[in-house]
C-alpha atoms as a PDB file:
ATOM      1  CA  MET A   1       0.000   0.000   0.000  1.00  0.00           C
ATOM      2  CA  THR A   2       1.331   3.425  -0.941  1.00  0.00           C
ATOM      3  CA  ARG A   3       1.079   6.137   1.658  1.00  0.00           C
ATOM      4  CA  MET A   4       1.043   9.765   0.617  1.00  0.00           C
ATOM      5  CA  THR A   5       1.557  12.599   3.010  1.00  0.00           C
ATOM      6  CA  ARG A   6       0.475  16.157   2.462  1.00  0.00           C
ATOM      7  CA  HIS A   7       3.088  18.820   2.947  1.00  0.00           C
ATOM      8  CA  VAL A   8       2.462  22.303   4.231  1.00  0.00           C
ATOM      9  CA  ILE A   9       2.767  24.629   1.285  1.00  0.00           C
ATOM     10  CA  GLN A  10       3.778  28.229   1.880  1.00  0.00           C
ATOM     11  CA  LEU A  11       2.890  30.374  -1.104  1.00  0.00           C
ATOM     12  CA  PRO A  12       4.353  33.670  -2.233  1.00  0.00           C
ATOM     13  CA  SER A  13       1.672  36.289  -2.655  1.00  0.00           C
ATOM     14  CA  ASN A  14       0.371  36.189  -6.218  1.00  0.00           C
ATOM     15  CA  VAL A  15       3.653  35.363  -7.975  1.00  0.00           C
ATOM     16  CA  PRO A  16       2.722  33.753 -11.326  1.00  0.00           C
ATOM     17  CA  THR A  17       4.180  30.239 -11.387  1.00  0.00           C
ATOM     18  CA  PHE A  18       5.189  27.885 -14.205  1.00  0.00           C
ATOM     19  CA  LEU A  19       5.612  24.243 -13.176  1.00  0.00           C
ATOM     20  CA  TRP A  20       6.769  21.222 -15.124  1.00  0.00           C
ATOM     21  CA  HIS A  21       7.481  17.693 -14.041  1.00  0.00           C
ATOM     22  CA  THR A  22       7.913  14.216 -15.506  1.00  0.00           C
ATOM     23  CA  HIS A  23       6.044  11.022 -14.822  1.00  0.00           C
ATOM     24  CA  GLU A  24       9.320   9.060 -14.726  1.00  0.00           C
ATOM     25  CA  ASP A  25      10.860  11.255 -12.000  1.00  0.00           C
ATOM     26  CA  LYS A  26      11.777   8.869  -9.186  1.00  0.00           C
ATOM     27  CA  GLY A  27      13.387  11.591  -7.042  1.00  0.00           C
ATOM     28  CA  VAL A  28      10.251  13.668  -6.505  1.00  0.00           C
ATOM     29  CA  PRO A  29       6.744  12.378  -7.255  1.00  0.00           C
ATOM     30  CA  SER A  30       4.849  14.407  -9.855  1.00  0.00           C
ATOM     31  CA  GLU A  31       1.970  14.538  -7.379  1.00  0.00           C
ATOM     32  CA  ASN A  32       3.988  17.143  -5.461  1.00  0.00           C
ATOM     33  CA  SER A  33       3.721  19.490  -8.434  1.00  0.00           C
ATOM     34  CA  VAL A  34       0.005  18.735  -8.714  1.00  0.00           C
ATOM     35  CA  PHE A  35      -0.521  19.543  -5.012  1.00  0.00           C
ATOM     36  CA  PHE A  36       1.477  22.753  -5.401  1.00  0.00           C
ATOM     37  CA  TYR A  37      -0.516  23.755  -8.488  1.00  0.00           C
ATOM     38  CA  LEU A  38      -3.794  23.104  -6.665  1.00  0.00           C
ATOM     39  CA  ALA A  39      -2.650  25.209  -3.715  1.00  0.00           C
ATOM     40  CA  LEU A  40      -1.720  28.032  -6.098  1.00  0.00           C
ATOM     41  CA  ARG A  41      -5.108  27.793  -7.778  1.00  0.00           C
ATOM     42  CA  LYS A  42      -6.943  27.818  -4.447  1.00  0.00           C
ATOM     43  CA  ALA A  43      -4.963  30.920  -3.433  1.00  0.00           C
ATOM     44  CA  GLY A  44      -5.814  32.661  -6.720  1.00  0.00           C
ATOM     45  CA  VAL A  45      -2.215  32.669  -7.944  1.00  0.00           C
ATOM     46  CA  PRO A  46      -1.830  32.455 -11.740  1.00  0.00           C
ATOM     47  CA  ALA A  47      -0.163  29.132 -12.572  1.00  0.00           C
ATOM     48  CA  GLU A  48       0.444  26.637 -15.351  1.00  0.00           C
ATOM     49  CA  LEU A  49       1.452  22.981 -14.914  1.00  0.00           C
ATOM     50  CA  HIS A  50       2.870  20.515 -17.443  1.00  0.00           C
ATOM     51  CA  ILE A  51       3.603  16.863 -16.688  1.00  0.00           C
ATOM     52  CA  PHE A  52       5.602  15.083 -19.367  1.00  0.00           C
ATOM     53  CA  GLU A  53       5.831  11.309 -19.566  1.00  0.00           C
ATOM     54  CA  LYS A  54       9.563  10.879 -20.151  1.00  0.00           C
ATOM     55  CA  GLY A  55      12.538  12.102 -18.160  1.00  0.00           C
ATOM     56  CA  ARG A  56      14.406  11.270 -14.992  1.00  0.00           C
ATOM     57  CA  HIS A  57      14.770  13.712 -12.108  1.00  0.00           C
ATOM     58  CA  GLY A  58      17.009  16.656 -12.976  1.00  0.00           C
ATOM     59  CA  VAL A  59      16.893  16.442 -16.790  1.00  0.00           C
ATOM     60  CA  GLY A  60      17.519  20.166 -17.176  1.00  0.00           C
ATOM     61  CA  LEU A  61      16.519  21.377 -20.624  1.00  0.00           C
ATOM     62  CA  ALA A  62      15.765  17.758 -21.664  1.00  0.00           C
ATOM     63  CA  LYS A  63      17.200  18.427 -25.128  1.00  0.00           C
ATOM     64  CA  ASP A  64      17.326  14.744 -26.101  1.00  0.00           C
ATOM     65  CA  ILE A  65      13.941  13.686 -24.689  1.00  0.00           C
ATOM     66  CA  PRO A  66      11.106  13.901 -27.249  1.00  0.00           C
ATOM     67  CA  GLY A  67       8.098  15.747 -25.880  1.00  0.00           C
ATOM     68  CA  THR A  68       9.789  16.791 -22.645  1.00  0.00           C
ATOM     69  CA  CYS A  69      12.246  18.916 -24.628  1.00  0.00           C
ATOM     70  CA  ASP A  70       9.291  21.234 -25.361  1.00  0.00           C
ATOM     71  CA  TRP A  71       9.124  22.564 -21.810  1.00  0.00           C
ATOM     72  CA  PRO A  72      11.424  25.583 -22.383  1.00  0.00           C
ATOM     73  CA  GLN A  73       9.257  26.697 -25.329  1.00  0.00           C
ATOM     74  CA  ARG A  74       6.089  26.287 -23.222  1.00  0.00           C
ATOM     75  CA  CYS A  75       7.710  28.363 -20.473  1.00  0.00           C
ATOM     76  CA  GLN A  76       8.803  31.046 -22.930  1.00  0.00           C
ATOM     77  CA  GLU A  77       5.273  31.315 -24.340  1.00  0.00           C
ATOM     78  CA  TRP A  78       3.833  31.463 -20.824  1.00  0.00           C
ATOM     79  CA  MET A  79       6.216  34.284 -19.886  1.00  0.00           C
ATOM     80  CA  GLN A  80       5.443  36.177 -23.105  1.00  0.00           C
ATOM     81  CA  THR A  81       1.680  36.042 -22.536  1.00  0.00           C
ATOM     82  CA  ARG A  82       2.233  37.618 -19.119  1.00  0.00           C
ATOM     83  CA  GLY A  83       4.513  40.345 -20.420  1.00  0.00           C
ATOM     84  CA  LEU A  84       7.472  38.929 -18.492  1.00  0.00           C
ATOM     85  CA  LEU A  85       9.450  38.331 -21.678  1.00  0.00           C
ATOM     86  CA  GLU A  86       9.388  40.167 -24.990  1.00  0.00           C
ATOM     87  CA  ARG A  87       8.015  38.343 -28.010  1.00  0.00           C
ATOM     88  CA  ARG A  88      10.590  37.625 -30.713  1.00  0.00           C
END
């Protein structure tokens, strides 16, 4: 039987947040990102979450992992739509 514990999440006040995770991450369960996203949503903090299937913990830019390698582009687009980064 798997036991999950809930962690206390302290949120910054209304700081837009981009999250990404992988299903294959054995270092940190992707559920942690889901819980964090849900806490952000409940607090009214703008957030976006992506969970990719492939990739171990700490893959960085994931340049050689199909699908997961798209996360930097997703983040760039997210930042552009919020005016945090100029459009090219």
